[in-house]
Protein backbone atom coordinates (compact mmCIF):
# COMPACT_ATOMS: atom_id res chain seq x y z
CA ASP A 1 -181.60 82.00 -83.86
CA ARG A 2 -179.78 79.74 -86.33
CA ILE A 3 -180.55 76.02 -86.12
CA TRP A 4 -177.57 74.20 -87.53
CA GLU A 5 -175.80 70.90 -86.91
CA LEU A 6 -172.15 71.17 -87.91
CA ALA A 7 -171.89 67.43 -88.57
CA SER A 8 -174.76 67.40 -91.09
CA PRO A 9 -173.57 67.21 -94.71
CA ALA A 10 -173.61 70.54 -96.56
CA LYS A 11 -176.11 69.14 -99.07
CA TYR A 12 -178.68 68.91 -96.25
CA THR A 13 -178.62 72.76 -96.21
CA TRP A 14 -179.07 73.24 -92.46
CA LYS A 15 -176.87 76.33 -92.51
CA ASP A 16 -179.79 78.53 -93.61
CA ASN A 17 -182.35 77.27 -91.07
CA PHE A 18 -183.63 79.66 -88.40
CA PHE A 19 -186.21 79.74 -85.59
CA CYS A 20 -187.56 83.25 -85.39
CA TRP A 21 -189.76 85.74 -83.51
CA ARG A 22 -191.15 89.14 -84.48
CA ASN A 23 -188.58 91.92 -84.31
CA ASN A 24 -190.93 94.23 -82.41
CA LYS A 25 -190.93 91.84 -79.44
CA ALA A 26 -188.41 91.49 -76.63
CA ASP A 27 -185.68 88.89 -77.07
CA PRO A 28 -187.06 85.58 -75.70
CA GLY A 29 -183.53 84.36 -74.96
CA ILE A 30 -183.85 81.30 -77.20
CA ARG A 31 -180.49 79.76 -78.09
CA PHE A 32 -179.67 76.61 -80.06
CA ASN A 33 -176.65 74.62 -78.96
CA MET A 34 -175.19 71.73 -80.97
CA ASN A 35 -173.01 70.42 -78.14
CA GLY A 36 -175.24 69.55 -75.23
CA ALA A 37 -177.58 71.39 -72.89
CA VAL A 38 -176.43 74.78 -71.61
CA GLY A 39 -175.85 74.90 -67.86
CA ASN A 40 -178.21 77.00 -65.73
CA SER A 41 -180.78 76.97 -68.53
CA ASP A 42 -184.02 75.16 -69.31
CA CYS A 43 -183.31 73.06 -72.37
CA VAL A 44 -185.26 70.70 -74.59
CA GLN A 45 -183.47 68.11 -76.68
CA LEU A 46 -184.03 68.49 -80.43
CA LYS A 47 -183.81 64.88 -81.46
CA GLU A 48 -184.47 63.10 -84.73
CA GLY A 49 -184.12 59.37 -84.17
CA ALA A 50 -183.08 58.79 -87.78
CA ALA A 51 -180.20 61.31 -87.54
CA LYS A 52 -177.36 60.05 -85.33
CA SER A 53 -175.56 63.41 -85.27
CA TRP A 54 -178.56 65.14 -83.67
CA MET A 55 -178.35 63.45 -80.24
CA ASP A 56 -176.57 66.36 -78.48
CA ASN A 57 -178.60 69.28 -79.86
CA PHE A 58 -180.69 71.40 -77.51
CA LEU A 59 -182.86 74.50 -77.63
CA CYS A 60 -182.34 76.46 -74.42
CA VAL A 61 -183.95 79.38 -72.66
CA PRO A 62 -182.86 81.22 -69.49
CA PRO A 63 -184.01 79.76 -66.14
CA THR A 64 -186.34 82.75 -65.70
CA SER A 65 -187.96 82.26 -69.10
CA PRO A 66 -191.75 81.87 -69.23
CA TYR A 67 -191.40 79.29 -72.00
CA THR A 68 -191.48 75.52 -71.40
CA PHE A 69 -191.06 73.93 -74.82
CA SER A 70 -191.51 70.29 -75.72
CA TRP A 71 -190.19 68.52 -78.82
CA VAL A 72 -191.63 65.64 -80.80
CA TYR A 73 -190.38 63.82 -83.89
CA SER A 74 -193.45 62.00 -85.14
CA ASN A 75 -196.98 62.98 -86.12
CA ALA A 76 -198.36 60.59 -83.49
CA LEU A 77 -196.45 62.37 -80.72
CA ARG A 78 -197.55 65.73 -82.11
CA ASP A 79 -201.16 64.59 -81.94
CA GLY A 80 -200.67 63.71 -78.28
CA GLN A 81 -199.32 67.19 -77.58
CA GLN A 82 -202.28 68.78 -79.35
CA ARG A 83 -204.79 66.66 -77.44
CA ASP A 84 -203.29 68.12 -74.28
CA GLY A 85 -203.95 71.65 -75.53
CA LYS A 86 -200.55 72.54 -76.95
CA LYS A 87 -199.85 74.21 -80.28
CA CYS A 88 -196.99 72.96 -82.44
CA ILE A 89 -194.75 74.60 -85.05
CA GLN A 90 -193.29 72.30 -87.66
CA TRP A 91 -189.53 72.30 -88.20
CA ILE A 92 -188.88 71.03 -91.73
CA GLU A 93 -185.76 70.74 -93.85
CA PRO A 94 -186.72 69.11 -97.18
CA ALA A 95 -183.10 68.64 -98.22
CA ASP A 96 -182.37 66.38 -95.22
CA PRO A 97 -183.52 62.83 -96.09
CA GLN A 98 -183.60 61.67 -92.47
CA THR A 99 -187.36 62.15 -91.91
CA TRP A 100 -187.31 65.91 -91.18
CA HIS A 101 -190.96 66.20 -92.19
CA ASP A 102 -192.65 65.26 -88.89
CA ASN A 103 -190.73 67.28 -86.31
CA TYR A 104 -192.42 69.87 -84.12
CA LEU A 105 -191.70 72.32 -81.31
CA CYS A 106 -194.74 72.59 -79.02
CA HIS A 107 -196.00 74.84 -76.23
CA TYR A 108 -199.23 75.87 -74.60
CA PRO A 109 -200.86 78.97 -76.09
CA LEU A 110 -199.37 81.91 -74.21
CA SER A 111 -200.50 85.49 -74.66
CA TYR A 112 -198.44 88.42 -73.45
CA PRO A 113 -195.90 86.45 -71.39
CA ASP A 114 -194.45 88.45 -68.53
CA ARG A 115 -190.69 87.96 -68.15
CA ARG A 116 -190.94 89.14 -64.53
CA ARG A 117 -192.81 85.99 -63.55
CA HIS A 118 -191.84 82.33 -63.26
CA LYS A 119 -192.95 80.00 -66.06
CA SER A 120 -195.08 77.90 -63.70
CA VAL A 121 -197.23 80.90 -62.75
CA GLN A 122 -197.48 82.57 -66.14
CA ARG A 123 -200.84 81.35 -67.23
CA ARG A 124 -202.85 82.48 -64.23
CA ALA A 125 -201.54 83.36 -60.79
CA SER A 126 -202.30 85.76 -58.02
CA SER A 127 -201.28 86.72 -54.53
CA VAL A 128 -203.75 86.17 -51.72
CA GLY A 129 -202.42 87.82 -48.60
CA ARG A 130 -198.89 86.47 -48.30
CA ALA A 131 -199.72 83.34 -50.28
CA GLN A 132 -198.93 83.02 -53.96
CA VAL A 133 -201.42 80.75 -55.74
CA CYS A 134 -201.55 79.39 -59.28
CA THR A 135 -205.17 79.17 -60.34
CA GLU A 136 -206.90 76.96 -62.91
CA ASP A 137 -210.50 77.72 -63.79
CA ASN A 138 -212.95 74.90 -64.63
CA VAL A 139 -210.55 72.31 -63.17
CA ASP A 140 -211.09 69.88 -60.28
CA TYR A 141 -208.25 68.74 -58.03
CA TRP A 142 -210.15 65.70 -56.82
CA GLY A 143 -209.18 63.73 -53.69
CA ALA A 144 -206.26 64.09 -51.25
CA ASP A 145 -208.57 66.07 -48.93
CA LEU A 146 -207.45 67.53 -45.60
CA ARG A 147 -210.76 69.16 -44.67
CA ASN A 148 -213.66 71.01 -46.30
CA PHE A 149 -215.91 73.89 -45.29
CA ARG A 150 -218.11 76.68 -46.68
CA ALA A 151 -215.89 79.63 -47.62
CA LYS A 152 -216.85 83.27 -48.00
CA ASN A 153 -215.12 83.46 -51.37
CA PHE A 154 -212.16 82.10 -53.32
CA ASN A 155 -209.67 84.26 -51.39
CA HIS A 156 -210.99 82.95 -48.08
CA CYS A 157 -210.44 79.38 -49.35
CA ALA A 158 -206.86 80.26 -50.36
CA MET A 159 -206.09 81.94 -47.03
CA GLU A 160 -207.28 78.90 -45.08
CA CYS A 161 -204.94 76.69 -47.10
CA ALA A 162 -202.07 79.09 -46.41
CA LYS A 163 -202.85 78.94 -42.67
CA ASP A 164 -202.79 75.13 -42.80
CA THR A 165 -199.44 74.85 -44.58
CA LEU A 166 -197.81 73.20 -41.56
CA LYS A 167 -200.70 70.73 -41.48
CA GLY A 168 -199.89 69.83 -45.07
CA CYS A 169 -202.17 72.01 -47.23
CA ARG A 170 -200.68 72.26 -50.70
CA SER A 171 -203.69 72.98 -52.96
CA PHE A 172 -207.43 73.53 -52.89
CA THR A 173 -210.62 73.40 -54.96
CA PHE A 174 -213.39 76.00 -54.70
CA HIS A 175 -217.02 75.60 -55.84
CA LYS A 176 -217.89 78.88 -57.53
CA LYS A 177 -221.64 78.67 -56.85
CA SER A 178 -221.92 77.15 -53.38
CA GLY A 179 -218.67 78.52 -51.94
CA HIS A 180 -217.60 75.07 -50.76
CA CYS A 181 -213.83 74.77 -50.25
CA TRP A 182 -211.76 71.57 -50.17
CA LEU A 183 -208.20 71.80 -48.83
CA LYS A 184 -205.75 69.23 -50.28
CA HIS A 185 -202.52 67.71 -48.97
CA THR A 186 -201.10 67.07 -52.45
CA PRO A 187 -200.46 69.52 -55.31
CA PHE A 188 -203.15 69.02 -57.98
CA GLY A 189 -205.00 66.69 -55.57
CA ALA A 190 -205.10 62.98 -56.33
CA LYS A 191 -206.72 63.34 -59.76
CA TYR A 192 -206.72 66.23 -62.21
CA THR A 193 -209.90 66.76 -64.24
CA LYS A 194 -210.68 69.48 -66.78
CA GLY A 195 -214.14 70.67 -67.86
CA LYS A 196 -215.56 71.15 -64.37
CA ASN A 197 -217.26 74.49 -64.98
CA ASP A 198 -218.46 75.01 -61.40
CA LEU A 199 -214.99 74.58 -59.92
CA MET A 200 -211.79 76.58 -59.62
CA SER A 201 -208.61 75.01 -58.24
CA ALA A 202 -205.21 76.31 -57.25
CA ASN A 203 -201.83 75.19 -56.01
CA LEU A 204 -200.13 77.02 -53.19
CA ASN A 205 -196.59 78.34 -53.84
CA CYS A 206 -196.45 76.56 -57.17
CA ASP A 207 -193.22 78.28 -58.19
CA SER A 208 -191.49 75.98 -55.67
CA PHE A 209 -192.30 72.63 -57.31
CA SER A 210 -188.82 72.68 -58.88
CA LYS A 211 -187.11 73.97 -55.75
CA LEU A 212 -185.16 71.72 -53.40
CA PRO A 213 -186.47 71.60 -49.82
CA SER A 214 -184.83 74.00 -47.38
CA TRP A 215 -183.11 72.66 -44.27
CA PRO A 216 -184.56 72.34 -41.71
CA ALA A 217 -187.86 74.12 -42.49
CA ASP A 218 -189.09 71.79 -45.25
CA PHE A 219 -188.07 68.49 -43.59
CA LYS A 220 -189.81 66.48 -40.91
CA TRP A 221 -189.25 63.25 -38.97
CA ALA A 222 -192.23 60.91 -38.56
CA PHE A 223 -192.44 57.76 -36.40
CA ALA A 224 -196.10 56.91 -37.09
CA GLY A 225 -196.34 56.87 -40.88
CA PRO A 226 -195.84 59.63 -43.46
CA PRO A 227 -197.52 62.92 -42.54
CA LYS A 228 -199.94 64.48 -45.02
CA GLY A 229 -198.34 66.98 -47.37
CA TYR A 230 -194.97 65.22 -47.34
CA THR A 231 -192.97 62.74 -49.40
CA CYS A 232 -190.74 60.38 -47.42
CA VAL A 233 -187.99 57.80 -47.45
CA LYS A 234 -188.64 54.83 -45.19
CA ILE A 235 -186.19 54.36 -42.29
CA TRP A 236 -186.24 50.83 -40.96
CA GLU A 237 -184.03 47.94 -39.84
CA ALA A 238 -185.32 44.48 -40.75
CA ALA A 239 -183.50 42.90 -37.81
CA SER A 240 -185.22 45.09 -35.21
CA PRO A 241 -188.02 43.33 -33.30
CA PRO A 242 -191.55 44.25 -34.49
CA ALA A 243 -192.23 45.62 -31.01
CA HIS A 244 -189.74 48.41 -31.71
CA THR A 245 -192.06 49.57 -34.55
CA TRP A 246 -189.40 50.81 -36.98
CA ASN A 247 -191.60 49.81 -39.91
CA ASP A 248 -193.52 53.11 -39.78
CA ASN A 249 -190.59 55.53 -39.45
CA PHE A 250 -189.90 58.06 -42.20
CA MET A 251 -187.64 60.99 -43.04
CA CYS A 252 -189.81 63.42 -45.00
CA TRP A 253 -189.84 66.65 -46.99
CA ARG A 254 -192.63 68.81 -48.38
CA ASN A 255 -194.31 67.21 -51.38
CA ASP A 256 -194.40 70.50 -53.28
CA ARG A 257 -190.61 70.57 -53.49
CA ALA A 258 -188.12 68.89 -55.80
CA ASP A 259 -186.79 65.53 -54.69
CA PRO A 260 -183.68 65.87 -52.45
CA GLY A 261 -182.41 62.38 -53.35
CA PHE A 262 -182.34 60.86 -49.84
CA ARG A 263 -182.00 57.06 -49.87
CA TRP A 264 -181.83 54.53 -47.05
CA SER A 265 -179.65 51.45 -46.86
CA MET A 266 -179.66 48.84 -44.09
CA ALA A 267 -176.66 46.99 -45.54
CA GLY A 268 -173.77 49.39 -45.93
CA PRO A 269 -173.20 52.52 -48.03
CA ILE A 270 -174.87 52.61 -51.44
CA PRO A 271 -172.20 52.55 -54.18
CA GLY A 272 -171.84 55.80 -56.08
CA GLN A 273 -173.45 57.90 -53.34
CA ARG A 274 -172.30 60.00 -50.37
CA CYS A 275 -173.56 58.25 -47.23
CA THR A 276 -173.92 59.13 -43.55
CA GLN A 277 -173.86 56.31 -41.01
CA ILE A 278 -176.98 56.15 -38.84
CA ILE A 279 -175.96 54.40 -35.64
CA GLU A 280 -177.15 54.03 -32.07
CA GLY A 281 -174.37 52.60 -29.92
CA ALA A 282 -176.80 51.23 -27.35
CA GLU A 283 -178.51 48.95 -29.91
CA PRO A 284 -177.55 45.28 -29.41
CA VAL A 285 -175.32 43.88 -32.15
CA LYS A 286 -178.00 41.38 -33.17
CA TYR A 287 -180.20 44.24 -34.38
CA THR A 288 -177.52 45.20 -36.95
CA TRP A 289 -177.75 49.00 -36.69
CA ARG A 290 -174.04 49.39 -37.46
CA ASP A 291 -174.44 49.04 -41.24
CA ASN A 292 -177.30 51.52 -41.74
CA PHE A 293 -176.78 54.61 -43.87
CA LEU A 294 -178.69 57.57 -45.25
CA CYS A 295 -177.30 58.46 -48.67
CA VAL A 296 -177.42 61.31 -51.19
CA GLN A 297 -175.79 61.78 -54.58
CA TYR A 298 -172.22 63.16 -54.54
CA ASN A 299 -173.34 66.47 -56.04
CA SER A 300 -176.09 66.95 -53.45
CA PRO A 301 -176.15 70.30 -51.61
CA TYR A 302 -176.97 68.41 -48.39
CA HIS A 303 -173.97 67.48 -46.24
CA LEU A 304 -175.56 65.50 -43.47
CA SER A 305 -174.07 64.53 -40.12
CA TRP A 306 -175.41 62.23 -37.41
CA THR A 307 -175.27 62.36 -33.64
CA PHE A 308 -176.51 59.92 -31.02
CA SER A 309 -176.24 62.00 -27.85
CA ASN A 310 -177.36 65.42 -26.74
CA ALA A 311 -173.73 66.42 -26.12
CA LEU A 312 -172.77 65.61 -29.72
CA MET A 313 -175.83 67.43 -30.97
CA SER A 314 -174.79 70.53 -29.02
CA GLN A 315 -171.41 70.41 -30.74
CA GLN A 316 -173.12 70.35 -34.12
CA VAL A 317 -175.28 73.33 -33.18
CA ALA A 318 -172.15 75.20 -32.02
CA GLN A 319 -170.76 74.67 -35.54
CA GLY A 320 -173.80 76.43 -37.00
CA LYS A 321 -175.84 73.37 -37.93
CA LYS A 322 -179.55 72.75 -37.42
CA CYS A 323 -180.66 69.32 -36.22
CA ILE A 324 -183.84 67.29 -36.59
CA GLN A 325 -184.55 64.71 -33.91
CA TRP A 326 -185.14 61.08 -34.89
CA LEU A 327 -187.31 59.61 -32.16
CA GLU A 328 -188.73 56.11 -31.88
CA GLY A 329 -190.34 55.81 -28.46
CA ALA A 330 -191.01 52.09 -28.79
CA ASP A 331 -187.31 51.24 -29.13
CA PRO A 332 -185.86 51.03 -25.60
CA HIS A 333 -182.25 51.53 -26.69
CA THR A 334 -181.96 55.31 -26.08
CA TRP A 335 -183.66 56.53 -29.29
CA LYS A 336 -184.48 59.83 -27.61
CA ASP A 337 -181.22 61.74 -28.23
CA ASN A 338 -180.53 61.04 -31.91
CA TYR A 339 -180.33 63.81 -34.48
CA LEU A 340 -179.71 64.35 -38.18
CA CYS A 341 -177.90 67.64 -38.74
CA ASN A 342 -177.05 69.91 -41.66
CA LYS A 343 -176.06 73.52 -42.10
CA PRO A 344 -179.05 75.77 -42.80
CA TYR A 345 -179.82 75.56 -46.50
CA SER A 346 -182.21 77.64 -48.57
CA GLY A 347 -183.48 75.35 -51.31
CA ALA A 348 -182.24 76.23 -54.79
CA TYR A 349 -184.23 75.84 -57.99
CA VAL A 350 -183.55 72.72 -60.03
CA TYR A 351 -183.34 73.89 -63.63
CA ASN A 352 -182.70 70.50 -65.19
CA SER A 353 -185.73 68.73 -66.61
CA LEU A 354 -186.92 65.39 -65.29
CA PRO A 355 -185.73 62.33 -67.26
CA SER A 356 -187.53 61.42 -70.49
CA TRP A 357 -188.73 57.86 -70.97
CA PRO A 358 -187.13 55.64 -72.09
CA GLU A 359 -183.90 57.23 -73.31
CA ASP A 360 -182.82 58.82 -70.01
CA PHE A 361 -183.30 55.62 -67.96
CA LYS A 362 -181.17 52.48 -67.74
CA TRP A 363 -181.08 49.15 -65.92
CA SER A 364 -177.77 47.86 -64.57
CA ASN A 365 -177.05 44.48 -62.94
CA ALA A 366 -173.38 45.28 -62.35
CA GLY A 367 -173.15 48.47 -60.33
CA VAL A 368 -173.74 52.14 -61.08
CA PRO A 369 -172.96 53.01 -64.73
CA ALA A 370 -170.91 56.12 -65.51
CA GLY A 371 -172.99 59.21 -66.16
CA TYR A 372 -176.00 58.03 -64.14
CA HIS A 373 -177.61 58.38 -60.74
CA CYS A 374 -179.41 55.31 -59.46
CA ASP A 375 -181.66 53.66 -56.94
CA ARG A 376 -180.58 50.24 -55.70
CA ILE A 377 -182.93 47.34 -56.44
CA TRP A 378 -182.26 44.69 -53.84
CA GLU A 379 -184.19 42.07 -51.89
CA LEU A 380 -182.46 41.34 -48.58
CA ALA A 381 -183.89 37.80 -48.39
CA ASN A 382 -182.36 36.73 -51.72
CA PRO A 383 -179.27 34.50 -51.46
CA ALA A 384 -175.98 36.33 -51.93
CA GLN A 385 -175.14 34.18 -54.98
CA HIS A 386 -178.10 35.74 -56.82
CA THR A 387 -176.08 39.01 -56.71
CA TRP A 388 -178.98 41.45 -56.34
CA LYS A 389 -176.89 43.79 -54.23
CA ASP A 390 -175.30 45.39 -57.32
CA ASN A 391 -178.54 45.94 -59.25
CA PHE A 392 -179.64 49.49 -59.97
CA PHE A 393 -182.32 51.37 -61.85
CA CYS A 394 -180.78 54.57 -63.14
CA TRP A 395 -181.34 57.90 -64.89
CA ARG A 396 -178.94 60.35 -66.51
CA ASN A 397 -177.11 62.45 -63.95
CA ASN A 398 -177.77 65.67 -65.86
CA LYS A 399 -181.49 65.32 -65.16
CA ALA A 400 -183.49 66.27 -62.09
CA ALA A 401 -184.03 63.47 -59.58
CA PRO A 402 -187.27 61.63 -60.48
CA GLY A 403 -187.94 60.57 -56.87
CA ILE A 404 -187.86 56.85 -57.65
CA ARG A 405 -187.41 54.60 -54.60
CA PHE A 406 -187.44 50.83 -54.28
CA ASN A 407 -188.89 49.42 -51.09
CA MET A 408 -188.55 45.78 -50.09
CA ASN A 409 -191.19 45.92 -47.36
CA GLY A 410 -194.46 47.04 -48.91
CA ALA A 411 -195.78 50.09 -50.73
CA VAL A 412 -194.84 53.46 -49.22
CA PRO A 413 -197.90 55.47 -48.07
CA ASN A 414 -198.51 58.83 -49.75
CA SER A 415 -196.76 57.55 -52.87
CA HIS A 416 -197.67 55.99 -56.21
CA CYS A 417 -196.22 52.46 -56.20
CA VAL A 418 -196.03 49.59 -58.66
CA GLN A 419 -195.43 46.06 -57.39
CA ILE A 420 -192.17 44.48 -58.58
CA ILE A 421 -192.87 40.76 -58.59
CA GLU A 422 -191.54 37.60 -60.17
CA GLY A 423 -194.02 34.75 -59.73
CA ALA A 424 -191.31 32.09 -60.04
CA GLU A 425 -189.40 33.39 -57.00
CA PRO A 426 -189.82 31.07 -53.96
CA ALA A 427 -191.94 32.57 -51.18
CA LYS A 428 -188.97 32.51 -48.79
CA TYR A 429 -187.23 35.17 -50.90
CA THR A 430 -190.15 37.58 -50.18
CA TRP A 431 -190.49 39.27 -53.59
CA LYS A 432 -194.24 39.69 -53.11
CA ASP A 433 -193.86 42.82 -50.96
CA ASN A 434 -191.42 44.72 -53.20
CA PHE A 435 -192.53 48.00 -54.76
CA LEU A 436 -191.10 50.80 -56.86
CA CYS A 437 -192.55 54.09 -55.63
CA VAL A 438 -192.63 57.70 -56.79
CA PRO A 439 -193.96 60.79 -54.97
CA PRO A 440 -197.67 61.63 -55.26
CA THR A 441 -196.76 64.60 -57.47
CA SER A 442 -194.61 62.51 -59.82
CA PRO A 443 -195.45 62.63 -63.53
CA TYR A 444 -194.51 58.96 -63.95
CA THR A 445 -197.04 56.11 -63.95
CA PHE A 446 -195.06 52.89 -64.30
CA SER A 447 -196.36 49.41 -65.01
CA TRP A 448 -194.59 46.09 -64.44
CA THR A 449 -194.61 42.83 -66.37
CA TYR A 450 -192.95 39.49 -65.71
CA SER A 451 -193.40 37.71 -69.02
CA ASN A 452 -192.70 38.49 -72.65
CA ALA A 453 -196.40 38.07 -73.44
CA LEU A 454 -197.34 40.76 -70.90
CA ARG A 455 -194.58 43.00 -72.24
CA ASP A 456 -195.96 42.60 -75.77
CA ALA A 457 -199.37 43.70 -74.52
CA GLN A 458 -197.82 46.80 -72.97
CA GLN A 459 -196.06 47.61 -76.22
CA ARG A 460 -199.27 47.20 -78.21
CA ALA A 461 -200.79 49.76 -75.83
CA GLY A 462 -198.08 52.20 -76.91
CA LYS A 463 -195.68 51.78 -74.00
CA THR A 464 -191.93 51.26 -74.13
CA CYS A 465 -190.32 48.78 -71.74
CA ILE A 466 -186.89 48.52 -70.11
CA GLN A 467 -185.75 45.03 -69.19
CA TRP A 468 -184.71 44.26 -65.61
CA ARG A 469 -182.37 41.30 -65.79
CA GLU A 470 -180.31 39.44 -63.21
CA PRO A 471 -178.63 36.43 -64.88
CA ALA A 472 -177.37 35.04 -61.56
CA ASP A 473 -180.93 34.58 -60.25
CA PRO A 474 -182.27 31.27 -61.64
CA HIS A 475 -185.93 32.17 -61.15
CA THR A 476 -186.72 33.44 -64.67
CA TRP A 477 -185.34 36.98 -64.34
CA ASN A 478 -184.95 37.12 -68.12
CA ASP A 479 -188.45 38.39 -69.07
CA ASN A 480 -189.15 41.16 -66.58
CA TYR A 481 -189.84 44.72 -67.69
CA LEU A 482 -190.70 48.16 -66.34
CA CYS A 483 -192.94 49.99 -68.82
CA HIS A 484 -194.21 53.49 -69.43
CA ALA A 485 -195.62 55.57 -72.26
CA GLN A 486 -192.93 57.53 -74.10
CA VAL A 487 -192.59 60.94 -72.48
CA TYR A 488 -190.44 63.96 -73.23
CA SER A 489 -189.80 67.30 -71.55
CA VAL A 490 -191.37 66.10 -68.30
CA ASP A 491 -192.58 69.06 -66.24
CA ALA A 492 -192.46 68.74 -62.44
CA ARG A 493 -194.95 71.60 -62.19
CA ARG A 494 -197.80 69.65 -63.79
CA HIS A 495 -199.95 66.71 -62.67
CA ARG A 496 -199.34 63.32 -64.26
CA SER A 497 -202.77 63.35 -65.90
CA ASN A 498 -202.09 66.78 -67.42
CA GLN A 499 -198.55 66.16 -68.72
CA TRP A 500 -199.00 65.17 -72.33
């Protein structure tokens, strides 16, 4: 396939550059595009930071392709790929002076790829009964245990996990000598470790990690904390009395599915999103349930509706919708006939890659920027003149949802959270219980700093930082940063510790 950027000067001789495969092999479907990613394809950006005209160039493969390429444009990044077990092919054009001597396309070694199988199950997968498992030998999925027992064999371990799917089993680890089996409520467990020669681990239904949750089968309401095996958005109203126990209510979906983009607001619709009002007419006005909304992005396949009586729910069912009950027994104001409804939906695959750090992320202190999807960053206790209500942390809207959620009332259980704190904020503004959370399967591991000195330390450790700034807040919101190691071609089907 020819690799050519039309805007490059002729003297750079890109017109005779090609990426090739043996002609006795089937067509891998690789296509270079110099004008953005191709829809319904898996694409990797071919970027050279020194070449401005290369920002919209992508190498794409069909959504069914077994290949998951990654791209790097420095020897240091190539070394990181190789440490993770990938092999890299150099792309070099000596006539182009813009540092085209340290650019590489990388991939895991892959022998005899089978085009009839999904990329996430290429390397080793099998069917055990009706369960499809993706197996990794000499690997430990440590932690996130549901239960453990002595199994007859590996297949027995897998079948028990499949039986416990509704209880949250998503993966398992098997001891090859003793037969011990550990069932896990999180794909890849809590920690991924190679070189464990006595162990074999597997994920259940791993071809669904990039598949949106189906409605209603993959969703669940919880009024006593997040259930194991699920990722959740917290549903709460700060003005409700503690005795009504809304602080442990969650709307959840299976944690081995792509993020559906649900977001909660207790202060009106979230700008730039499609929102459904969540209301209970019997709630006293002082508990402020009239400005609560559950929101999704405008392009979401979920078209939610809300009812607060059994009669209204029956009407929704008559229209072909399926409803999930939201029940909070401790709230006396008729929270026993409330339902969130949607037409039955079979979750589709999300072919877009997750956002790369830092170039696909952006901070905004003045609303949602064009071309981005966002999560609102807002502390309810802050004075209105500090204008936090229009602050957002965003990612490009042509990327898969990264599952980022800000919570102003503590870390969300079953999630990986980083505390968002500014020491200079007065205690009455309650910034000490604010967290940015991602699902347990997320590839992102953020860190937070609230001084330039701490940011410098993060940068010396190889991280890149994005500033979070709110000029209207006088409490030193001019040196606050969210940091992460540079990451590209983020794969939702791999554990954070096995990404790069």
